[in-house]
Amino acid sequence: MVGEGLIAAIGLGTFFITFVVGIFFFVFWILMLVDVIQRKFKKDSDKIIWILIIVFTNWVGAIIYYFVVKKPNKK
């Protein structure tokens, strides 16, 4: 009986961690999408390409955008 409670607690903890990480990636994705929409690119086609990359590849595209475009501009 005690083991069932422990298993339930572990399952709930795993769910909570997964939920928090999912929320983090969603917020990060939205922030990168807003950044690409507001950023001025040399060519308008660059903006459209980045929007499509971020929309269709979700958080993976957002991470790529962060390291390729956003982070180098901070220097």
Protein backbone atom coordinates (compact mmCIF):
# COMPACT_ATOMS: atom_id res chain seq x y z
CA MET A 1 0.00 0.00 0.00
CA VAL A 2 2.76 2.46 0.84
CA GLY A 3 4.52 1.68 -2.44
CA GLU A 4 1.47 2.74 -4.44
CA GLY A 5 1.52 6.18 -2.80
CA LEU A 6 5.21 6.55 -3.58
CA ILE A 7 4.68 5.57 -7.20
CA ALA A 8 1.81 8.07 -7.47
CA ALA A 9 3.99 10.81 -5.94
CA ILE A 10 6.81 10.08 -8.40
CA GLY A 11 4.34 10.14 -11.30
CA LEU A 12 2.92 13.46 -10.13
CA GLY A 13 6.43 14.91 -9.77
CA THR A 14 7.35 13.77 -13.27
CA PHE A 15 4.16 15.32 -14.63
CA PHE A 16 4.89 18.60 -12.85
CA ILE A 17 8.47 18.78 -14.16
CA THR A 18 7.28 17.98 -17.70
CA PHE A 19 4.58 20.64 -17.43
CA VAL A 20 7.01 23.32 -16.22
CA VAL A 21 9.57 22.50 -18.93
CA GLY A 22 6.80 22.58 -21.54
CA ILE A 23 5.63 26.00 -20.34
CA PHE A 24 9.25 27.26 -20.43
CA PHE A 25 9.74 26.11 -24.04
CA PHE A 26 6.37 27.58 -25.07
CA VAL A 27 7.20 30.99 -23.55
CA PHE A 28 10.69 30.88 -25.13
CA TRP A 29 9.10 30.03 -28.50
CA ILE A 30 6.68 32.98 -28.23
CA LEU A 31 9.49 35.37 -27.24
CA MET A 32 11.63 34.35 -30.21
CA LEU A 33 8.65 34.65 -32.55
CA VAL A 34 7.92 38.17 -31.25
CA ASP A 35 11.61 39.07 -31.62
CA VAL A 36 11.77 37.94 -35.24
CA ILE A 37 8.57 39.86 -36.04
CA GLN A 38 9.90 43.09 -34.50
CA ARG A 39 13.50 42.79 -35.77
CA LYS A 40 14.59 44.69 -38.86
CA PHE A 41 16.38 42.42 -41.34
CA LYS A 42 18.35 43.50 -44.40
CA LYS A 43 15.84 41.64 -46.59
CA ASP A 44 12.14 41.08 -45.93
CA SER A 45 12.53 37.53 -47.15
CA ASP A 46 14.87 36.81 -44.21
CA LYS A 47 12.11 37.74 -41.78
CA ILE A 48 9.58 35.53 -43.56
CA ILE A 49 12.01 32.61 -43.64
CA TRP A 50 12.76 32.91 -39.91
CA ILE A 51 9.06 33.14 -39.07
CA LEU A 52 8.38 29.98 -41.08
CA ILE A 53 11.32 28.17 -39.46
CA ILE A 54 10.17 29.07 -35.95
CA VAL A 55 6.50 28.28 -36.61
CA PHE A 56 7.08 24.92 -38.29
CA THR A 57 9.94 23.62 -36.13
CA ASN A 58 8.59 24.97 -32.82
CA TRP A 59 11.10 25.28 -29.99
CA VAL A 60 13.95 23.74 -32.01
CA GLY A 61 13.68 26.57 -34.54
CA ALA A 62 13.47 29.09 -31.70
CA ILE A 63 16.72 27.77 -30.21
CA ILE A 64 18.41 27.91 -33.63
CA TYR A 65 17.17 31.49 -34.10
CA TYR A 66 18.44 32.47 -30.66
CA PHE A 67 21.98 31.24 -31.32
CA VAL A 68 22.19 32.33 -34.97
CA VAL A 69 20.52 35.76 -34.88
CA LYS A 70 19.63 37.04 -31.41
CA LYS A 71 22.70 36.13 -29.33
CA PRO A 72 25.36 37.41 -31.81
CA ASN A 73 23.59 40.81 -31.85
CA LYS A 74 23.98 41.21 -28.08
CA LYS A 75 27.74 41.69 -28.38
